[in-house]
Amino acid sequence: MEYLRAGVGVIIANEEKKILICKRKAKLGFGTYSIPGGNIELGEKIISAAVREVFEETGLEVKNLVFLGITNNIDIYKIGHSHSISIIFYTNEYIGTVELKEPNKHESWSWYLPSEIPEPHFEPSKLATNLLNKYLLNENKKFIEE
């Protein structure tokens, strides 16, 4: 029997209001663009997972994460991958410079305005940016994006 997986995603904004996006090389989402994130490990606190994933992937230390909501990643399940949900956070507070720390999983990291993220946009990341737009417009009353 398969079970639902849980992950985290973090939208990191710089001073120019651009967000950090990678081009994925991993099997899941190969060639798509995405915010940093990954799986929550067994026994791990959710915020700790978000901070860890960002550091492991980018070398950035993120602070003062704001909960944006949860994404239900159905489309990737429909094409043969695990069904997952992602707990999404936002921050504009970080220390360090972006590094390509997992070149086997990511081709590159770049900063984009949310409206200019290249396609194809990885489903969990696309749903996360929908939550960000609602948050910035003070319309984030739903907290779940499907």
N, C-alpha and C. Protein backbone atom coordinates (compact mmCIF):
# COMPACT_ATOMS: atom_id res chain seq x y z
N MET A 1 0.84 -1.18 0.00
CA MET A 1 0.00 0.00 0.00
C MET A 1 0.88 1.25 0.00
N GLU A 2 0.51 2.23 -0.80
CA GLU A 2 1.23 3.50 -0.83
C GLU A 2 0.62 4.47 0.16
N TYR A 3 1.46 5.35 0.66
CA TYR A 3 1.00 6.35 1.61
C TYR A 3 1.39 7.74 1.13
N LEU A 4 0.69 8.71 1.62
CA LEU A 4 0.97 10.10 1.33
C LEU A 4 2.32 10.50 1.91
N ARG A 5 3.11 11.24 1.16
CA ARG A 5 4.40 11.75 1.63
C ARG A 5 4.24 13.22 1.97
N ALA A 6 5.06 13.69 2.89
CA ALA A 6 5.01 15.10 3.29
C ALA A 6 6.36 15.75 3.04
N GLY A 7 6.31 16.94 2.50
CA GLY A 7 7.52 17.69 2.25
C GLY A 7 7.35 19.15 2.63
N VAL A 8 8.41 19.90 2.41
CA VAL A 8 8.41 21.34 2.67
C VAL A 8 8.91 22.07 1.43
N GLY A 9 8.49 23.30 1.30
CA GLY A 9 9.00 24.18 0.26
C GLY A 9 9.18 25.56 0.87
N VAL A 10 10.22 26.27 0.44
CA VAL A 10 10.48 27.59 0.99
C VAL A 10 10.66 28.59 -0.15
N ILE A 11 9.83 29.61 -0.13
CA ILE A 11 9.96 30.71 -1.07
C ILE A 11 10.85 31.75 -0.41
N ILE A 12 12.01 32.01 -1.03
CA ILE A 12 12.98 32.96 -0.50
C ILE A 12 13.01 34.17 -1.43
N ALA A 13 12.72 35.35 -0.88
CA ALA A 13 12.71 36.57 -1.67
C ALA A 13 13.93 37.42 -1.34
N ASN A 14 14.51 38.05 -2.38
CA ASN A 14 15.63 38.95 -2.15
C ASN A 14 15.13 40.39 -2.08
N GLU A 15 16.05 41.35 -1.99
CA GLU A 15 15.68 42.76 -1.86
C GLU A 15 14.93 43.29 -3.08
N GLU A 16 15.12 42.65 -4.22
CA GLU A 16 14.43 43.07 -5.45
C GLU A 16 13.08 42.38 -5.62
N LYS A 17 12.64 41.66 -4.57
CA LYS A 17 11.37 40.92 -4.57
C LYS A 17 11.36 39.76 -5.57
N LYS A 18 12.56 39.32 -5.95
CA LYS A 18 12.68 38.13 -6.79
C LYS A 18 12.82 36.92 -5.87
N ILE A 19 12.37 35.76 -6.36
CA ILE A 19 12.44 34.55 -5.55
C ILE A 19 13.43 33.57 -6.16
N LEU A 20 14.01 32.75 -5.28
CA LEU A 20 15.05 31.81 -5.68
C LEU A 20 14.43 30.57 -6.30
N ILE A 21 14.87 30.25 -7.51
CA ILE A 21 14.32 29.14 -8.29
C ILE A 21 15.47 28.31 -8.86
N CYS A 22 15.30 26.99 -8.83
CA CYS A 22 16.29 26.10 -9.44
C CYS A 22 15.71 25.48 -10.69
N LYS A 23 16.62 25.01 -11.54
CA LYS A 23 16.22 24.12 -12.64
C LYS A 23 16.58 22.72 -12.19
N ARG A 24 15.59 21.85 -12.13
CA ARG A 24 15.74 20.52 -11.55
C ARG A 24 16.40 19.53 -12.51
N LYS A 25 17.23 18.66 -11.92
CA LYS A 25 17.83 17.55 -12.66
C LYS A 25 17.39 16.20 -12.11
N ALA A 26 16.74 16.21 -10.95
CA ALA A 26 16.29 14.96 -10.33
C ALA A 26 15.23 14.30 -11.21
N LYS A 27 15.07 12.99 -11.05
CA LYS A 27 14.10 12.23 -11.85
C LYS A 27 12.70 12.86 -11.74
N LEU A 28 12.27 13.14 -10.53
CA LEU A 28 10.97 13.77 -10.31
C LEU A 28 11.08 15.24 -10.69
N GLY A 29 10.41 15.63 -11.74
CA GLY A 29 10.42 17.03 -12.16
C GLY A 29 11.61 17.42 -13.00
N PHE A 30 12.26 16.46 -13.63
CA PHE A 30 13.44 16.77 -14.45
C PHE A 30 13.12 17.87 -15.46
N GLY A 31 13.99 18.90 -15.49
CA GLY A 31 13.83 19.98 -16.45
C GLY A 31 12.84 21.06 -16.06
N THR A 32 12.20 20.91 -14.90
CA THR A 32 11.25 21.92 -14.45
C THR A 32 11.94 22.91 -13.51
N TYR A 33 11.24 23.99 -13.21
CA TYR A 33 11.76 25.04 -12.33
C TYR A 33 11.01 24.99 -11.00
N SER A 34 11.77 25.22 -9.89
CA SER A 34 11.17 25.01 -8.58
C SER A 34 11.85 25.82 -7.48
N ILE A 35 11.09 26.10 -6.44
CA ILE A 35 11.64 26.66 -5.21
C ILE A 35 12.42 25.57 -4.47
N PRO A 36 13.26 25.92 -3.51
CA PRO A 36 13.94 24.88 -2.71
C PRO A 36 12.95 24.12 -1.83
N GLY A 37 13.26 22.87 -1.56
CA GLY A 37 12.40 22.07 -0.69
C GLY A 37 12.72 20.60 -0.79
N GLY A 38 12.01 19.81 -0.01
CA GLY A 38 12.23 18.37 -0.02
C GLY A 38 11.41 17.68 1.04
N ASN A 39 11.75 16.44 1.30
CA ASN A 39 10.99 15.61 2.22
C ASN A 39 11.29 15.92 3.68
N ILE A 40 10.28 15.73 4.50
CA ILE A 40 10.45 15.80 5.95
C ILE A 40 10.91 14.42 6.41
N GLU A 41 12.01 14.38 7.14
CA GLU A 41 12.53 13.10 7.62
C GLU A 41 11.73 12.64 8.85
N LEU A 42 11.67 11.33 9.05
CA LEU A 42 10.96 10.78 10.20
C LEU A 42 11.51 11.38 11.49
N GLY A 43 10.61 11.85 12.36
CA GLY A 43 10.99 12.42 13.65
C GLY A 43 11.47 13.86 13.57
N GLU A 44 11.47 14.46 12.38
CA GLU A 44 11.98 15.82 12.22
C GLU A 44 10.85 16.85 12.38
N LYS A 45 11.17 17.97 13.00
CA LYS A 45 10.21 19.08 13.10
C LYS A 45 10.09 19.73 11.73
N ILE A 46 8.91 20.25 11.43
CA ILE A 46 8.63 20.79 10.10
C ILE A 46 9.52 21.99 9.78
N ILE A 47 9.64 22.94 10.69
CA ILE A 47 10.49 24.11 10.45
C ILE A 47 11.94 23.67 10.27
N SER A 48 12.37 22.72 11.08
CA SER A 48 13.75 22.22 10.96
C SER A 48 13.98 21.61 9.58
N ALA A 49 12.98 20.91 9.06
CA ALA A 49 13.10 20.32 7.72
C ALA A 49 13.25 21.42 6.67
N ALA A 50 12.46 22.47 6.79
CA ALA A 50 12.53 23.57 5.82
C ALA A 50 13.90 24.24 5.85
N VAL A 51 14.40 24.54 7.05
CA VAL A 51 15.71 25.17 7.19
C VAL A 51 16.81 24.25 6.65
N ARG A 52 16.73 22.97 6.99
CA ARG A 52 17.73 22.00 6.54
C ARG A 52 17.73 21.87 5.01
N GLU A 53 16.56 21.71 4.42
CA GLU A 53 16.48 21.53 2.97
C GLU A 53 17.07 22.74 2.23
N VAL A 54 16.73 23.95 2.68
CA VAL A 54 17.28 25.13 2.02
C VAL A 54 18.80 25.15 2.14
N PHE A 55 19.33 24.86 3.31
CA PHE A 55 20.78 24.87 3.49
C PHE A 55 21.45 23.78 2.65
N GLU A 56 20.88 22.57 2.68
CA GLU A 56 21.47 21.47 1.90
C GLU A 56 21.51 21.78 0.41
N GLU A 57 20.49 22.47 -0.09
CA GLU A 57 20.39 22.72 -1.52
C GLU A 57 21.09 24.00 -1.97
N THR A 58 21.11 25.04 -1.10
CA THR A 58 21.57 26.36 -1.54
C THR A 58 22.72 26.94 -0.72
N GLY A 59 22.95 26.43 0.49
CA GLY A 59 23.94 27.01 1.37
C GLY A 59 23.43 28.21 2.14
N LEU A 60 22.19 28.61 1.93
CA LEU A 60 21.61 29.75 2.64
C LEU A 60 21.06 29.31 4.00
N GLU A 61 21.22 30.17 4.99
CA GLU A 61 20.59 29.98 6.30
C GLU A 61 19.38 30.90 6.33
N VAL A 62 18.18 30.29 6.34
CA VAL A 62 16.95 31.09 6.34
C VAL A 62 16.46 31.30 7.76
N LYS A 63 15.78 32.43 7.95
CA LYS A 63 15.26 32.80 9.28
C LYS A 63 13.84 33.33 9.14
N ASN A 64 13.14 33.33 10.27
CA ASN A 64 11.80 33.92 10.36
C ASN A 64 10.87 33.47 9.24
N LEU A 65 10.70 32.16 9.14
CA LEU A 65 9.83 31.60 8.12
C LEU A 65 8.37 31.88 8.46
N VAL A 66 7.60 32.27 7.44
CA VAL A 66 6.17 32.53 7.57
C VAL A 66 5.42 31.39 6.89
N PHE A 67 4.50 30.77 7.60
CA PHE A 67 3.69 29.69 7.01
C PHE A 67 2.72 30.29 5.99
N LEU A 68 2.77 29.77 4.75
CA LEU A 68 1.85 30.23 3.71
C LEU A 68 0.68 29.28 3.52
N GLY A 69 0.92 27.97 3.66
CA GLY A 69 -0.16 27.02 3.45
C GLY A 69 0.38 25.66 3.04
N ILE A 70 -0.53 24.84 2.54
CA ILE A 70 -0.21 23.46 2.15
C ILE A 70 -0.65 23.25 0.71
N THR A 71 0.21 22.58 -0.06
CA THR A 71 -0.16 22.21 -1.42
C THR A 71 -0.43 20.71 -1.49
N ASN A 72 -1.44 20.36 -2.26
CA ASN A 72 -1.78 18.95 -2.49
C ASN A 72 -1.35 18.63 -3.92
N ASN A 73 -0.25 17.89 -4.04
CA ASN A 73 0.44 17.72 -5.32
C ASN A 73 -0.11 16.51 -6.10
N ILE A 74 -1.30 16.67 -6.60
CA ILE A 74 -2.03 15.60 -7.28
C ILE A 74 -1.48 15.30 -8.68
N ASP A 75 -1.11 16.33 -9.42
CA ASP A 75 -0.70 16.11 -10.81
C ASP A 75 0.54 15.22 -10.93
N ILE A 76 1.52 15.37 -10.03
CA ILE A 76 2.69 14.50 -10.12
C ILE A 76 2.33 13.06 -9.76
N TYR A 77 1.33 12.90 -8.90
CA TYR A 77 0.84 11.55 -8.58
C TYR A 77 0.18 10.93 -9.81
N LYS A 78 -0.58 11.73 -10.54
CA LYS A 78 -1.30 11.23 -11.71
C LYS A 78 -0.36 10.74 -12.82
N ILE A 79 0.89 11.23 -12.81
CA ILE A 79 1.83 10.77 -13.85
C ILE A 79 2.78 9.69 -13.33
N GLY A 80 2.43 9.08 -12.18
CA GLY A 80 3.16 7.91 -11.73
C GLY A 80 4.14 8.09 -10.59
N HIS A 81 4.13 9.23 -9.93
CA HIS A 81 5.00 9.44 -8.78
C HIS A 81 4.19 9.37 -7.49
N SER A 82 4.86 9.45 -6.36
CA SER A 82 4.17 9.41 -5.07
C SER A 82 3.25 10.60 -4.91
N HIS A 83 2.13 10.37 -4.22
CA HIS A 83 1.25 11.48 -3.85
C HIS A 83 1.87 12.16 -2.64
N SER A 84 1.97 13.48 -2.71
CA SER A 84 2.58 14.22 -1.60
C SER A 84 1.84 15.51 -1.33
N ILE A 85 2.05 16.01 -0.12
CA ILE A 85 1.65 17.36 0.22
C ILE A 85 2.93 18.12 0.56
N SER A 86 2.90 19.42 0.38
CA SER A 86 4.04 20.26 0.72
C SER A 86 3.58 21.37 1.65
N ILE A 87 4.31 21.56 2.71
CA ILE A 87 4.05 22.64 3.66
C ILE A 87 4.95 23.79 3.23
N ILE A 88 4.33 24.91 2.90
CA ILE A 88 5.04 26.01 2.23
C ILE A 88 5.28 27.17 3.19
N PHE A 89 6.51 27.68 3.12
CA PHE A 89 6.91 28.83 3.93
C PHE A 89 7.46 29.93 3.02
N TYR A 90 7.51 31.13 3.58
CA TYR A 90 8.06 32.30 2.89
C TYR A 90 9.02 33.01 3.82
N THR A 91 10.10 33.54 3.26
CA THR A 91 11.00 34.41 4.02
C THR A 91 11.73 35.35 3.08
N ASN A 92 12.10 36.49 3.62
CA ASN A 92 13.02 37.39 2.91
C ASN A 92 14.24 37.64 3.78
N GLU A 93 14.43 36.76 4.77
CA GLU A 93 15.58 36.88 5.68
C GLU A 93 16.46 35.64 5.54
N TYR A 94 17.68 35.88 5.08
CA TYR A 94 18.63 34.78 4.90
C TYR A 94 20.05 35.31 5.02
N ILE A 95 20.94 34.39 5.33
CA ILE A 95 22.37 34.70 5.46
C ILE A 95 23.11 33.82 4.47
N GLY A 96 24.08 34.41 3.76
CA GLY A 96 24.92 33.64 2.85
C GLY A 96 24.68 33.99 1.41
N THR A 97 25.40 33.30 0.55
CA THR A 97 25.24 33.44 -0.89
C THR A 97 24.85 32.08 -1.47
N VAL A 98 24.10 32.12 -2.53
CA VAL A 98 23.57 30.89 -3.13
C VAL A 98 24.70 30.07 -3.74
N GLU A 99 24.69 28.78 -3.41
CA GLU A 99 25.64 27.82 -3.95
C GLU A 99 24.88 26.67 -4.61
N LEU A 100 25.49 26.05 -5.58
CA LEU A 100 24.92 24.85 -6.20
C LEU A 100 25.48 23.66 -5.42
N LYS A 101 24.80 23.30 -4.31
CA LYS A 101 25.33 22.29 -3.40
C LYS A 101 24.97 20.85 -3.78
N GLU A 102 23.95 20.69 -4.61
CA GLU A 102 23.53 19.35 -5.05
C GLU A 102 23.46 19.32 -6.58
N PRO A 103 24.61 19.34 -7.24
CA PRO A 103 24.61 19.39 -8.71
C PRO A 103 24.00 18.16 -9.37
N ASN A 104 23.85 17.09 -8.63
CA ASN A 104 23.18 15.91 -9.17
C ASN A 104 21.65 16.09 -9.20
N LYS A 105 21.13 17.05 -8.42
CA LYS A 105 19.69 17.30 -8.35
C LYS A 105 19.26 18.61 -9.01
N HIS A 106 20.20 19.57 -9.09
CA HIS A 106 19.86 20.90 -9.62
C HIS A 106 20.89 21.32 -10.65
N GLU A 107 20.41 21.90 -11.73
CA GLU A 107 21.31 22.42 -12.76
C GLU A 107 21.83 23.81 -12.41
N SER A 108 20.94 24.64 -11.83
CA SER A 108 21.31 26.01 -11.52
C SER A 108 20.30 26.64 -10.56
N TRP A 109 20.70 27.74 -9.94
CA TRP A 109 19.83 28.57 -9.11
C TRP A 109 19.84 29.98 -9.67
N SER A 110 18.68 30.60 -9.78
CA SER A 110 18.55 31.98 -10.28
C SER A 110 17.40 32.67 -9.54
N TRP A 111 17.42 34.00 -9.59
CA TRP A 111 16.37 34.81 -8.97
C TRP A 111 15.41 35.28 -10.05
N TYR A 112 14.10 35.10 -9.81
CA TYR A 112 13.06 35.49 -10.75
C TYR A 112 11.95 36.24 -10.04
N LEU A 113 11.35 37.19 -10.73
CA LEU A 113 10.09 37.74 -10.24
C LEU A 113 9.07 36.62 -10.28
N PRO A 114 8.16 36.55 -9.31
CA PRO A 114 7.18 35.45 -9.30
C PRO A 114 6.39 35.32 -10.61
N SER A 115 6.15 36.44 -11.28
CA SER A 115 5.39 36.40 -12.54
C SER A 115 6.25 35.97 -13.74
N GLU A 116 7.57 35.81 -13.52
CA GLU A 116 8.47 35.49 -14.63
C GLU A 116 9.18 34.14 -14.47
N ILE A 117 8.67 33.28 -13.60
CA ILE A 117 9.29 31.95 -13.43
C ILE A 117 9.12 31.18 -14.73
N PRO A 118 10.21 30.62 -15.26
CA PRO A 118 10.10 29.90 -16.54
C PRO A 118 9.22 28.65 -16.43
N GLU A 119 8.69 28.27 -17.56
CA GLU A 119 7.96 27.01 -17.68
C GLU A 119 8.92 25.97 -18.24
N PRO A 120 8.73 24.71 -17.95
CA PRO A 120 7.66 24.17 -17.09
C PRO A 120 7.99 24.40 -15.62
N HIS A 121 6.97 24.78 -14.88
CA HIS A 121 7.08 25.08 -13.45
C HIS A 121 6.63 23.84 -12.70
N PHE A 122 7.50 23.28 -11.85
CA PHE A 122 7.22 22.08 -11.06
C PHE A 122 5.95 22.29 -10.23
N GLU A 123 5.02 21.33 -10.30
CA GLU A 123 3.69 21.51 -9.71
C GLU A 123 3.71 22.01 -8.26
N PRO A 124 4.43 21.36 -7.32
CA PRO A 124 4.40 21.86 -5.94
C PRO A 124 4.88 23.31 -5.83
N SER A 125 5.86 23.69 -6.64
CA SER A 125 6.38 25.05 -6.63
C SER A 125 5.36 26.03 -7.22
N LYS A 126 4.70 25.62 -8.28
CA LYS A 126 3.67 26.47 -8.89
C LYS A 126 2.53 26.73 -7.91
N LEU A 127 2.09 25.69 -7.24
CA LEU A 127 1.03 25.85 -6.23
C LEU A 127 1.51 26.73 -5.09
N ALA A 128 2.79 26.60 -4.72
CA ALA A 128 3.36 27.43 -3.65
C ALA A 128 3.37 28.90 -4.04
N THR A 129 3.72 29.20 -5.29
CA THR A 129 3.72 30.60 -5.71
C THR A 129 2.30 31.16 -5.79
N ASN A 130 1.32 30.30 -6.04
CA ASN A 130 -0.08 30.74 -5.96
C ASN A 130 -0.41 31.17 -4.53
N LEU A 131 0.08 30.40 -3.54
CA LEU A 131 -0.12 30.77 -2.14
C LEU A 131 0.57 32.08 -1.82
N LEU A 132 1.78 32.27 -2.36
CA LEU A 132 2.50 33.52 -2.13
C LEU A 132 1.72 34.71 -2.67
N ASN A 133 1.20 34.58 -3.88
CA ASN A 133 0.42 35.68 -4.47
C ASN A 133 -0.77 36.02 -3.60
N LYS A 134 -1.46 35.03 -3.08
CA LYS A 134 -2.60 35.28 -2.19
C LYS A 134 -2.15 35.95 -0.90
N TYR A 135 -1.01 35.50 -0.37
CA TYR A 135 -0.47 36.09 0.86
C TYR A 135 -0.13 37.57 0.64
N LEU A 136 0.52 37.87 -0.48
CA LEU A 136 0.92 39.25 -0.76
C LEU A 136 -0.29 40.15 -1.00
N LEU A 137 -1.38 39.56 -1.47
CA LEU A 137 -2.62 40.32 -1.70
C LEU A 137 -3.55 40.27 -0.49
N ASN A 138 -3.07 39.70 0.61
CA ASN A 138 -3.88 39.51 1.83
C ASN A 138 -5.15 38.72 1.57
N GLU A 139 -5.07 37.78 0.64
CA GLU A 139 -6.22 36.94 0.33
C GLU A 139 -5.99 35.50 0.77
N ASN A 140 -4.96 35.25 1.56
CA ASN A 140 -4.62 33.88 1.94
C ASN A 140 -5.49 33.41 3.10
N LYS A 141 -6.76 33.16 2.81
CA LYS A 141 -7.67 32.68 3.84
C LYS A 141 -7.90 31.17 3.70
N LYS A 142 -7.49 30.63 2.58
CA LYS A 142 -7.74 29.23 2.28
C LYS A 142 -6.64 28.32 2.81
N PHE A 143 -5.40 28.67 2.65
CA PHE A 143 -4.22 27.96 3.12
C PHE A 143 -3.96 26.62 2.45
N ILE A 144 -4.84 26.16 1.58
CA ILE A 144 -4.60 24.91 0.86
C ILE A 144 -4.77 25.18 -0.63
N GLU A 145 -3.80 24.75 -1.41
CA GLU A 145 -3.83 24.96 -2.85
C GLU A 145 -3.81 23.59 -3.51
N GLU A 146 -4.83 23.30 -4.34
CA GLU A 146 -4.93 22.01 -5.02
C GLU A 146 -4.99 22.21 -6.51
